[in-house]
Amino acid sequence: MPSNTLYTKENEVLSRLIRDMRTAAGLTQASCAEALGKPQSYVSKIEGGSQRIDLLQLRDYCHVCGVSLTVFVRRFESSI
């Protein structure tokens, strides 16, 4: 496994699924960031694939978008 996972196919899939989840929830980057208590640039960097996201942050992101973490992980696993 590469030491820098930012530039992998899996990270591209993760970023796309996060973006798709947010848009399906009807949230803009700004409204999602506000709900997370983060700046809009945080959401932009995650969705652009240049910022790592840990499990706890992903769980919060899923919560804001109304998707359970387990459902999101299943989507991710079936997409890679």
PDB file of N, CA and C in Angstrom:
ATOM      1  N   MET A   1       0.851  -1.185   0.000  1.00  0.00           N
ATOM      2  CA  MET A   1       0.000   0.000   0.000  1.00  0.00           C
ATOM      3  C   MET A   1       0.888   1.237   0.000  1.00  0.00           C
ATOM      4  N   PRO A   2       0.559   2.219  -0.834  1.00  0.00           N
ATOM      5  CA  PRO A   2       1.368   3.438  -0.878  1.00  0.00           C
ATOM      6  C   PRO A   2       1.322   4.175   0.452  1.00  0.00           C
ATOM      7  N   SER A   3       2.432   4.820   0.791  1.00  0.00           N
ATOM      8  CA  SER A   3       2.473   5.549   2.049  1.00  0.00           C
ATOM      9  C   SER A   3       1.609   6.802   2.003  1.00  0.00           C
ATOM     10  N   ASN A   4       1.389   7.374   0.830  1.00  0.00           N
ATOM     11  CA  ASN A   4       0.549   8.542   0.705  1.00  0.00           C
ATOM     12  C   ASN A   4      -0.730   8.148  -0.020  1.00  0.00           C
ATOM     13  N   THR A   5      -1.797   7.997   0.753  1.00  0.00           N
ATOM     14  CA  THR A   5      -3.055   7.514   0.178  1.00  0.00           C
ATOM     15  C   THR A   5      -3.892   8.612  -0.462  1.00  0.00           C
ATOM     16  N   LEU A   6      -3.423   9.852  -0.404  1.00  0.00           N
ATOM     17  CA  LEU A   6      -4.191  10.936  -1.017  1.00  0.00           C
ATOM     18  C   LEU A   6      -4.324  10.774  -2.525  1.00  0.00           C
ATOM     19  N   TYR A   7      -3.357  10.132  -3.142  1.00  0.00           N
ATOM     20  CA  TYR A   7      -3.329  10.061  -4.605  1.00  0.00           C
ATOM     21  C   TYR A   7      -3.639   8.657  -5.118  1.00  0.00           C
ATOM     22  N   THR A   8      -4.560   7.991  -4.434  1.00  0.00           N
ATOM     23  CA  THR A   8      -4.960   6.649  -4.846  1.00  0.00           C
ATOM     24  C   THR A   8      -6.368   6.671  -5.429  1.00  0.00           C
ATOM     25  N   LYS A   9      -6.685   5.624  -6.166  1.00  0.00           N
ATOM     26  CA  LYS A   9      -8.034   5.476  -6.715  1.00  0.00           C
ATOM     27  C   LYS A   9      -9.059   5.418  -5.580  1.00  0.00           C
ATOM     28  N   GLU A  10      -8.708   4.747  -4.506  1.00  0.00           N
ATOM     29  CA  GLU A  10      -9.626   4.620  -3.380  1.00  0.00           C
ATOM     30  C   GLU A  10      -9.967   5.980  -2.776  1.00  0.00           C
ATOM     31  N   ASN A  11      -8.980   6.860  -2.674  1.00  0.00           N
ATOM     32  CA  ASN A  11      -9.262   8.188  -2.125  1.00  0.00           C
ATOM     33  C   ASN A  11     -10.137   8.999  -3.074  1.00  0.00           C
ATOM     34  N   GLU A  12      -9.944   8.815  -4.375  1.00  0.00           N
ATOM     35  CA  GLU A  12     -10.817   9.483  -5.350  1.00  0.00           C
ATOM     36  C   GLU A  12     -12.256   9.019  -5.181  1.00  0.00           C
ATOM     37  N   VAL A  13     -12.439   7.715  -4.993  1.00  0.00           N
ATOM     38  CA  VAL A  13     -13.779   7.166  -4.790  1.00  0.00           C
ATOM     39  C   VAL A  13     -14.373   7.710  -3.494  1.00  0.00           C
ATOM     40  N   LEU A  14     -13.590   7.723  -2.429  1.00  0.00           N
ATOM     41  CA  LEU A  14     -14.067   8.237  -1.147  1.00  0.00           C
ATOM     42  C   LEU A  14     -14.510   9.688  -1.268  1.00  0.00           C
ATOM     43  N   SER A  15     -13.699  10.508  -1.890  1.00  0.00           N
ATOM     44  CA  SER A  15     -14.030  11.926  -2.057  1.00  0.00           C
ATOM     45  C   SER A  15     -15.308  12.102  -2.867  1.00  0.00           C
ATOM     46  N   ARG A  16     -15.440  11.336  -3.936  1.00  0.00           N
ATOM     47  CA  ARG A  16     -16.639  11.424  -4.780  1.00  0.00           C
ATOM     48  C   ARG A  16     -17.882  11.007  -4.003  1.00  0.00           C
ATOM     49  N   LEU A  17     -17.793   9.914  -3.238  1.00  0.00           N
ATOM     50  CA  LEU A  17     -18.943   9.451  -2.470  1.00  0.00           C
ATOM     51  C   LEU A  17     -19.341  10.444  -1.389  1.00  0.00           C
ATOM     52  N   ILE A  18     -18.363  11.082  -0.774  1.00  0.00           N
ATOM     53  CA  ILE A  18     -18.660  12.106   0.235  1.00  0.00           C
ATOM     54  C   ILE A  18     -19.386  13.280  -0.416  1.00  0.00           C
ATOM     55  N   ARG A  19     -18.886  13.723  -1.554  1.00  0.00           N
ATOM     56  CA  ARG A  19     -19.525  14.827  -2.281  1.00  0.00           C
ATOM     57  C   ARG A  19     -20.945  14.436  -2.707  1.00  0.00           C
ATOM     58  N   ASP A  20     -21.093  13.237  -3.247  1.00  0.00           N
ATOM     59  CA  ASP A  20     -22.411  12.769  -3.683  1.00  0.00           C
ATOM     60  C   ASP A  20     -23.392  12.691  -2.510  1.00  0.00           C
ATOM     61  N   MET A  21     -22.900  12.248  -1.353  1.00  0.00           N
ATOM     62  CA  MET A  21     -23.745  12.144  -0.164  1.00  0.00           C
ATOM     63  C   MET A  21     -24.242  13.534   0.249  1.00  0.00           C
ATOM     64  N   ARG A  22     -23.341  14.503   0.232  1.00  0.00           N
ATOM     65  CA  ARG A  22     -23.720  15.869   0.616  1.00  0.00           C
ATOM     66  C   ARG A  22     -24.741  16.451  -0.352  1.00  0.00           C
ATOM     67  N   THR A  23     -24.491  16.296  -1.644  1.00  0.00           N
ATOM     68  CA  THR A  23     -25.420  16.869  -2.627  1.00  0.00           C
ATOM     69  C   THR A  23     -26.777  16.159  -2.592  1.00  0.00           C
ATOM     70  N   ALA A  24     -26.774  14.852  -2.361  1.00  0.00           N
ATOM     71  CA  ALA A  24     -28.038  14.109  -2.245  1.00  0.00           C
ATOM     72  C   ALA A  24     -28.835  14.573  -1.027  1.00  0.00           C
ATOM     73  N   ALA A  25     -28.130  15.048  -0.007  1.00  0.00           N
ATOM     74  CA  ALA A  25     -28.796  15.571   1.188  1.00  0.00           C
ATOM     75  C   ALA A  25     -29.298  16.996   0.974  1.00  0.00           C
ATOM     76  N   GLY A  26     -28.987  17.569  -0.193  1.00  0.00           N
ATOM     77  CA  GLY A  26     -29.439  18.919  -0.501  1.00  0.00           C
ATOM     78  C   GLY A  26     -28.639  20.003   0.205  1.00  0.00           C
ATOM     79  N   LEU A  27     -27.407  19.681   0.571  1.00  0.00           N
ATOM     80  CA  LEU A  27     -26.562  20.635   1.288  1.00  0.00           C
ATOM     81  C   LEU A  27     -25.527  21.248   0.359  1.00  0.00           C
ATOM     82  N   THR A  28     -25.280  22.517   0.542  1.00  0.00           N
ATOM     83  CA  THR A  28     -24.147  23.161  -0.131  1.00  0.00           C
ATOM     84  C   THR A  28     -22.906  22.896   0.715  1.00  0.00           C
ATOM     85  N   GLN A  29     -21.749  23.156   0.138  1.00  0.00           N
ATOM     86  CA  GLN A  29     -20.531  23.026   0.939  1.00  0.00           C
ATOM     87  C   GLN A  29     -20.593  23.939   2.148  1.00  0.00           C
ATOM     88  N   ALA A  30     -21.104  25.144   1.961  1.00  0.00           N
ATOM     89  CA  ALA A  30     -21.168  26.115   3.060  1.00  0.00           C
ATOM     90  C   ALA A  30     -22.104  25.646   4.171  1.00  0.00           C
ATOM     91  N   SER A  31     -23.269  25.136   3.805  1.00  0.00           N
ATOM     92  CA  SER A  31     -24.210  24.690   4.841  1.00  0.00           C
ATOM     93  C   SER A  31     -23.716  23.438   5.550  1.00  0.00           C
ATOM     94  N   CYS A  32     -23.064  22.563   4.820  1.00  0.00           N
ATOM     95  CA  CYS A  32     -22.479  21.362   5.428  1.00  0.00           C
ATOM     96  C   CYS A  32     -21.376  21.762   6.404  1.00  0.00           C
ATOM     97  N   ALA A  33     -20.517  22.665   5.974  1.00  0.00           N
ATOM     98  CA  ALA A  33     -19.423  23.131   6.830  1.00  0.00           C
ATOM     99  C   ALA A  33     -19.965  23.788   8.087  1.00  0.00           C
ATOM    100  N   GLU A  34     -21.005  24.580   7.946  1.00  0.00           N
ATOM    101  CA  GLU A  34     -21.595  25.243   9.109  1.00  0.00           C
ATOM    102  C   GLU A  34     -22.121  24.209  10.103  1.00  0.00           C
ATOM    103  N   ALA A  35     -22.805  23.181   9.592  1.00  0.00           N
ATOM    104  CA  ALA A  35     -23.334  22.126  10.459  1.00  0.00           C
ATOM    105  C   ALA A  35     -22.216  21.349  11.158  1.00  0.00           C
ATOM    106  N   LEU A  36     -21.080  21.248  10.492  1.00  0.00           N
ATOM    107  CA  LEU A  36     -19.922  20.555  11.067  1.00  0.00           C
ATOM    108  C   LEU A  36     -19.104  21.458  11.991  1.00  0.00           C
ATOM    109  N   GLY A  37     -19.374  22.763  11.961  1.00  0.00           N
ATOM    110  CA  GLY A  37     -18.593  23.701  12.751  1.00  0.00           C
ATOM    111  C   GLY A  37     -17.206  23.925  12.183  1.00  0.00           C
ATOM    112  N   LYS A  38     -17.117  23.821  10.864  1.00  0.00           N
ATOM    113  CA  LYS A  38     -15.833  23.955  10.158  1.00  0.00           C
ATOM    114  C   LYS A  38     -15.967  25.022   9.078  1.00  0.00           C
ATOM    115  N   PRO A  39     -14.835  25.531   8.571  1.00  0.00           N
ATOM    116  CA  PRO A  39     -14.908  26.461   7.443  1.00  0.00           C
ATOM    117  C   PRO A  39     -15.261  25.713   6.153  1.00  0.00           C
ATOM    118  N   GLN A  40     -15.795  26.437   5.194  1.00  0.00           N
ATOM    119  CA  GLN A  40     -16.170  25.835   3.920  1.00  0.00           C
ATOM    120  C   GLN A  40     -14.965  25.202   3.238  1.00  0.00           C
ATOM    121  N   SER A  41     -13.793  25.765   3.432  1.00  0.00           N
ATOM    122  CA  SER A  41     -12.583  25.226   2.807  1.00  0.00           C
ATOM    123  C   SER A  41     -12.291  23.794   3.280  1.00  0.00           C
ATOM    124  N   TYR A  42     -12.696  23.459   4.501  1.00  0.00           N
ATOM    125  CA  TYR A  42     -12.529  22.098   5.035  1.00  0.00           C
ATOM    126  C   TYR A  42     -13.303  21.112   4.166  1.00  0.00           C
ATOM    127  N   VAL A  43     -14.557  21.433   3.890  1.00  0.00           N
ATOM    128  CA  VAL A  43     -15.407  20.565   3.058  1.00  0.00           C
ATOM    129  C   VAL A  43     -14.842  20.483   1.645  1.00  0.00           C
ATOM    130  N   SER A  44     -14.432  21.614   1.118  1.00  0.00           N
ATOM    131  CA  SER A  44     -13.869  21.651  -0.228  1.00  0.00           C
ATOM    132  C   SER A  44     -12.630  20.772  -0.347  1.00  0.00           C
ATOM    133  N   LYS A  45     -11.759  20.830   0.625  1.00  0.00           N
ATOM    134  CA  LYS A  45     -10.523  20.035   0.587  1.00  0.00           C
ATOM    135  C   LYS A  45     -10.816  18.545   0.704  1.00  0.00           C
ATOM    136  N   ILE A  46     -11.764  18.175   1.551  1.00  0.00           N
ATOM    137  CA  ILE A  46     -12.131  16.757   1.681  1.00  0.00           C
ATOM    138  C   ILE A  46     -12.737  16.259   0.379  1.00  0.00           C
ATOM    139  N   GLU A  47     -13.672  17.009  -0.156  1.00  0.00           N
ATOM    140  CA  GLU A  47     -14.337  16.580  -1.383  1.00  0.00           C
ATOM    141  C   GLU A  47     -13.425  16.645  -2.596  1.00  0.00           C
ATOM    142  N   GLY A  48     -12.407  17.470  -2.530  1.00  0.00           N
ATOM    143  CA  GLY A  48     -11.431  17.549  -3.609  1.00  0.00           C
ATOM    144  C   GLY A  48     -10.335  16.516  -3.495  1.00  0.00           C
ATOM    145  N   GLY A  49     -10.316  15.810  -2.376  1.00  0.00           N
ATOM    146  CA  GLY A  49      -9.345  14.739  -2.179  1.00  0.00           C
ATOM    147  C   GLY A  49      -7.991  15.185  -1.667  1.00  0.00           C
ATOM    148  N   SER A  50      -7.865  16.448  -1.283  1.00  0.00           N
ATOM    149  CA  SER A  50      -6.560  16.919  -0.803  1.00  0.00           C
ATOM    150  C   SER A  50      -6.448  16.933   0.709  1.00  0.00           C
ATOM    151  N   GLN A  51      -7.524  16.594   1.402  1.00  0.00           N
ATOM    152  CA  GLN A  51      -7.539  16.565   2.872  1.00  0.00           C
ATOM    153  C   GLN A  51      -7.972  15.187   3.335  1.00  0.00           C
ATOM    154  N   ARG A  52      -7.211  14.605   4.213  1.00  0.00           N
ATOM    155  CA  ARG A  52      -7.607  13.325   4.799  1.00  0.00           C
ATOM    156  C   ARG A  52      -8.796  13.527   5.729  1.00  0.00           C
ATOM    157  N   ILE A  53      -9.567  12.463   5.902  1.00  0.00           N
ATOM    158  CA  ILE A  53     -10.680  12.496   6.837  1.00  0.00           C
ATOM    159  C   ILE A  53     -10.582  11.241   7.693  1.00  0.00           C
ATOM    160  N   ASP A  54     -10.653  11.406   9.008  1.00  0.00           N
ATOM    161  CA  ASP A  54     -10.568  10.224   9.863  1.00  0.00           C
ATOM    162  C   ASP A  54     -11.975   9.682  10.123  1.00  0.00           C
ATOM    163  N   LEU A  55     -12.047   8.577  10.807  1.00  0.00           N
ATOM    164  CA  LEU A  55     -13.317   7.884  11.008  1.00  0.00           C
ATOM    165  C   LEU A  55     -14.311   8.740  11.786  1.00  0.00           C
ATOM    166  N   LEU A  56     -13.861   9.432  12.790  1.00  0.00           N
ATOM    167  CA  LEU A  56     -14.763  10.261  13.584  1.00  0.00           C
ATOM    168  C   LEU A  56     -15.297  11.434  12.768  1.00  0.00           C
ATOM    169  N   GLN A  57     -14.440  12.029  11.946  1.00  0.00           N
ATOM    170  CA  GLN A  57     -14.882  13.117  11.073  1.00  0.00           C
ATOM    171  C   GLN A  57     -15.876  12.598  10.036  1.00  0.00           C
ATOM    172  N   LEU A  58     -15.607  11.420   9.490  1.00  0.00           N
ATOM    173  CA  LEU A  58     -16.522  10.823   8.516  1.00  0.00           C
ATOM    174  C   LEU A  58     -17.869  10.531   9.155  1.00  0.00           C
ATOM    175  N   ARG A  59     -17.858  10.050  10.377  1.00  0.00           N
ATOM    176  CA  ARG A  59     -19.121   9.785  11.080  1.00  0.00           C
ATOM    177  C   ARG A  59     -19.922  11.076  11.248  1.00  0.00           C
ATOM    178  N   ASP A  60     -19.251  12.163  11.617  1.00  0.00           N
ATOM    179  CA  ASP A  60     -19.931  13.451  11.755  1.00  0.00           C
ATOM    180  C   ASP A  60     -20.487  13.915  10.418  1.00  0.00           C
ATOM    181  N   TYR A  61     -19.700  13.764   9.360  1.00  0.00           N
ATOM    182  CA  TYR A  61     -20.112  14.150   8.011  1.00  0.00           C
ATOM    183  C   TYR A  61     -21.366  13.371   7.615  1.00  0.00           C
ATOM    184  N   CYS A  62     -21.340  12.062   7.853  1.00  0.00           N
ATOM    185  CA  CYS A  62     -22.501  11.221   7.540  1.00  0.00           C
ATOM    186  C   CYS A  62     -23.723  11.672   8.332  1.00  0.00           C
ATOM    187  N   HIS A  63     -23.535  11.971   9.611  1.00  0.00           N
ATOM    188  CA  HIS A  63     -24.643  12.401  10.463  1.00  0.00           C
ATOM    189  C   HIS A  63     -25.290  13.668   9.904  1.00  0.00           C
ATOM    190  N   VAL A  64     -24.474  14.638   9.527  1.00  0.00           N
ATOM    191  CA  VAL A  64     -24.977  15.894   8.971  1.00  0.00           C
ATOM    192  C   VAL A  64     -25.770  15.630   7.689  1.00  0.00           C
ATOM    193  N   CYS A  65     -25.349  14.639   6.918  1.00  0.00           N
ATOM    194  CA  CYS A  65     -26.004  14.323   5.639  1.00  0.00           C
ATOM    195  C   CYS A  65     -27.152  13.336   5.793  1.00  0.00           C
ATOM    196  N   GLY A  66     -27.378  12.839   7.003  1.00  0.00           N
ATOM    197  CA  GLY A  66     -28.490  11.923   7.235  1.00  0.00           C
ATOM    198  C   GLY A  66     -28.261  10.516   6.729  1.00  0.00           C
ATOM    199  N   VAL A  67     -27.001  10.095   6.695  1.00  0.00           N
ATOM    200  CA  VAL A  67     -26.639   8.751   6.231  1.00  0.00           C
ATOM    201  C   VAL A  67     -25.867   8.066   7.345  1.00  0.00           C
ATOM    202  N   SER A  68     -26.205   6.799   7.621  1.00  0.00           N
ATOM    203  CA  SER A  68     -25.444   6.108   8.663  1.00  0.00           C
ATOM    204  C   SER A  68     -24.046   5.777   8.150  1.00  0.00           C
ATOM    205  N   LEU A  69     -23.118   5.732   9.059  1.00  0.00           N
ATOM    206  CA  LEU A  69     -21.739   5.409   8.710  1.00  0.00           C
ATOM    207  C   LEU A  69     -21.644   4.031   8.066  1.00  0.00           C
ATOM    208  N   THR A  70     -22.391   3.069   8.585  1.00  0.00           N
ATOM    209  CA  THR A  70     -22.326   1.721   8.015  1.00  0.00           C
ATOM    210  C   THR A  70     -22.837   1.695   6.579  1.00  0.00           C
ATOM    211  N   VAL A  71     -23.882   2.443   6.289  1.00  0.00           N
ATOM    212  CA  VAL A  71     -24.390   2.523   4.908  1.00  0.00           C
ATOM    213  C   VAL A  71     -23.326   3.152   4.016  1.00  0.00           C
ATOM    214  N   PHE A  72     -22.700   4.222   4.489  1.00  0.00           N
ATOM    215  CA  PHE A  72     -21.672   4.870   3.691  1.00  0.00           C
ATOM    216  C   PHE A  72     -20.513   3.925   3.414  1.00  0.00           C
ATOM    217  N   VAL A  73     -20.067   3.193   4.417  1.00  0.00           N
ATOM    218  CA  VAL A  73     -18.949   2.262   4.248  1.00  0.00           C
ATOM    219  C   VAL A  73     -19.314   1.164   3.254  1.00  0.00           C
ATOM    220  N   ARG A  74     -20.545   0.695   3.297  1.00  0.00           N
ATOM    221  CA  ARG A  74     -20.989  -0.315   2.311  1.00  0.00           C
ATOM    222  C   ARG A  74     -20.936   0.260   0.904  1.00  0.00           C
ATOM    223  N   ARG A  75     -21.345   1.500   0.737  1.00  0.00           N
ATOM    224  CA  ARG A  75     -21.261   2.146  -0.581  1.00  0.00           C
ATOM    225  C   ARG A  75     -19.819   2.235  -1.034  1.00  0.00           C
ATOM    226  N   PHE A  76     -18.960   2.616  -0.127  1.00  0.00           N
ATOM    227  CA  PHE A  76     -17.543   2.737  -0.453  1.00  0.00           C
ATOM    228  C   PHE A  76     -16.977   1.370  -0.875  1.00  0.00           C
ATOM    229  N   GLU A  77     -17.232   0.370  -0.080  1.00  0.00           N
ATOM    230  CA  GLU A  77     -16.697  -0.967  -0.376  1.00  0.00           C
ATOM    231  C   GLU A  77     -17.216  -1.501  -1.704  1.00  0.00           C
ATOM    232  N   SER A  78     -18.463  -1.230  -2.027  1.00  0.00           N
ATOM    233  CA  SER A  78     -18.998  -1.741  -3.295  1.00  0.00           C
ATOM    234  C   SER A  78     -18.499  -0.924  -4.481  1.00  0.00           C
ATOM    235  N   SER A  79     -17.959   0.269  -4.218  1.00  0.00           N
ATOM    236  CA  SER A  79     -17.482   1.127  -5.296  1.00  0.00           C
ATOM    237  C   SER A  79     -16.003   0.935  -5.632  1.00  0.00           C
ATOM    238  N   ILE A  80     -15.275   0.309  -4.736  1.00  0.00           N
ATOM    239  CA  ILE A  80     -13.844   0.159  -5.022  1.00  0.00           C
ATOM    240  C   ILE A  80     -13.500  -1.197  -5.588  1.00  0.00           C
TER     241      ILE A  80
END
